[in-house]
Amino acid sequence: MHRTKFKIAIVDDSKTAINYIKFFLKKLGLNNIVIFQSPVKFLEFLKENDDIDIVFIDYIMPYVNGIEVLQKIKQIDKDILTVMM
């Protein structure tokens, strides 16, 4: 698969962190990126969309931490690659 075809999600409550990660992913030619500052909204999105390939997850977020998000992602789709930050 050509790397620009990957659909990547960034889940982080920090706009600064999101912009930093997005900048480097785009430098690598990865442009199909969706962004979520709310882990709850991301999980709702994921339940309705099965085209996410990779998720970058912040470890410390309000309401739901990164470990809980990771566990819920794997319940929805075990094949999604995840990167905990």
Protein backbone atom coordinates (compact mmCIF):
# COMPACT_ATOMS: atom_id res chain seq x y z
CA MET A 1 0.00 0.00 0.00
CA HIS A 2 1.31 3.44 -0.91
CA ARG A 3 1.84 5.38 2.27
CA THR A 4 -0.35 8.33 1.25
CA LYS A 5 -3.28 5.89 1.22
CA PHE A 6 -3.05 5.26 4.96
CA LYS A 7 -5.74 7.01 6.98
CA ILE A 8 -4.30 8.23 10.26
CA ALA A 9 -6.06 9.53 13.36
CA ILE A 10 -4.42 11.69 15.98
CA VAL A 11 -6.14 11.69 19.37
CA ASP A 12 -4.70 14.29 21.72
CA ASP A 13 -6.19 17.03 23.88
CA SER A 14 -3.24 19.34 23.08
CA LYS A 15 -3.42 21.40 19.87
CA THR A 16 0.33 21.91 20.05
CA ALA A 17 1.00 18.16 20.12
CA ILE A 18 -1.49 17.57 17.30
CA ASN A 19 0.17 20.19 15.11
CA TYR A 20 3.63 18.77 15.85
CA ILE A 21 2.64 15.20 14.93
CA LYS A 22 0.68 16.33 11.89
CA PHE A 23 3.66 18.36 10.65
CA PHE A 24 6.00 15.36 10.74
CA LEU A 25 3.47 12.96 9.23
CA LYS A 26 2.95 15.35 6.31
CA LYS A 27 6.75 15.60 5.87
CA LEU A 28 6.68 11.80 5.42
CA GLY A 29 4.01 12.12 2.73
CA LEU A 30 1.18 11.00 4.99
CA ASN A 31 -1.63 13.45 4.29
CA ASN A 32 -4.83 11.54 5.03
CA ILE A 33 -5.11 12.62 8.68
CA VAL A 34 -8.12 13.14 10.94
CA ILE A 35 -7.77 14.92 14.26
CA PHE A 36 -9.63 14.54 17.53
CA GLN A 37 -9.11 16.48 20.73
CA SER A 38 -11.74 14.35 22.44
CA PRO A 39 -11.14 10.62 22.86
CA VAL A 40 -14.88 10.12 23.29
CA LYS A 41 -15.63 11.76 19.92
CA PHE A 42 -12.87 9.70 18.30
CA LEU A 43 -14.36 6.45 19.59
CA GLU A 44 -17.79 7.47 18.32
CA PHE A 45 -16.23 8.25 14.92
CA LEU A 46 -14.37 4.92 14.87
CA LYS A 47 -17.56 2.95 15.46
CA GLU A 48 -19.06 4.52 12.31
CA ASN A 49 -15.88 4.52 10.14
CA ASP A 50 -13.83 1.43 9.47
CA ASP A 51 -11.14 3.06 7.34
CA ILE A 52 -8.63 4.14 10.02
CA ASP A 53 -5.27 2.38 9.65
CA ILE A 54 -3.11 4.01 12.33
CA VAL A 55 -3.96 5.92 15.52
CA PHE A 56 -1.60 8.14 17.48
CA ILE A 57 -2.97 8.34 21.04
CA ASP A 58 -2.00 10.68 23.85
CA TYR A 59 -1.48 8.78 27.09
CA ILE A 60 -2.79 11.50 29.44
CA MET A 61 -6.15 13.03 28.52
CA PRO A 62 -9.15 14.17 30.53
CA TYR A 63 -12.08 11.79 31.07
CA VAL A 64 -10.54 8.82 29.21
CA ASN A 65 -6.81 8.03 29.29
CA GLY A 66 -4.82 6.60 26.41
CA ILE A 67 -4.82 3.04 27.76
CA GLU A 68 -8.62 3.02 27.93
CA VAL A 69 -8.81 4.42 24.39
CA LEU A 70 -6.39 1.74 23.18
CA GLN A 71 -8.48 -1.01 24.78
CA LYS A 72 -11.66 0.30 23.17
CA ILE A 73 -9.96 0.63 19.77
CA LYS A 74 -8.92 -3.02 19.93
CA GLN A 75 -12.48 -4.04 20.84
CA ILE A 76 -13.72 -2.24 17.72
CA ASP A 77 -10.92 -3.29 15.33
CA LYS A 78 -7.94 -5.42 16.36
CA ASP A 79 -6.07 -4.65 13.13
CA ILE A 80 -5.65 -0.91 13.69
CA LEU A 81 -2.04 0.02 14.40
CA THR A 82 -1.66 2.22 17.46
CA VAL A 83 1.11 4.48 18.72
CA MET A 84 0.92 5.64 22.33
CA MET A 85 2.51 9.02 22.98
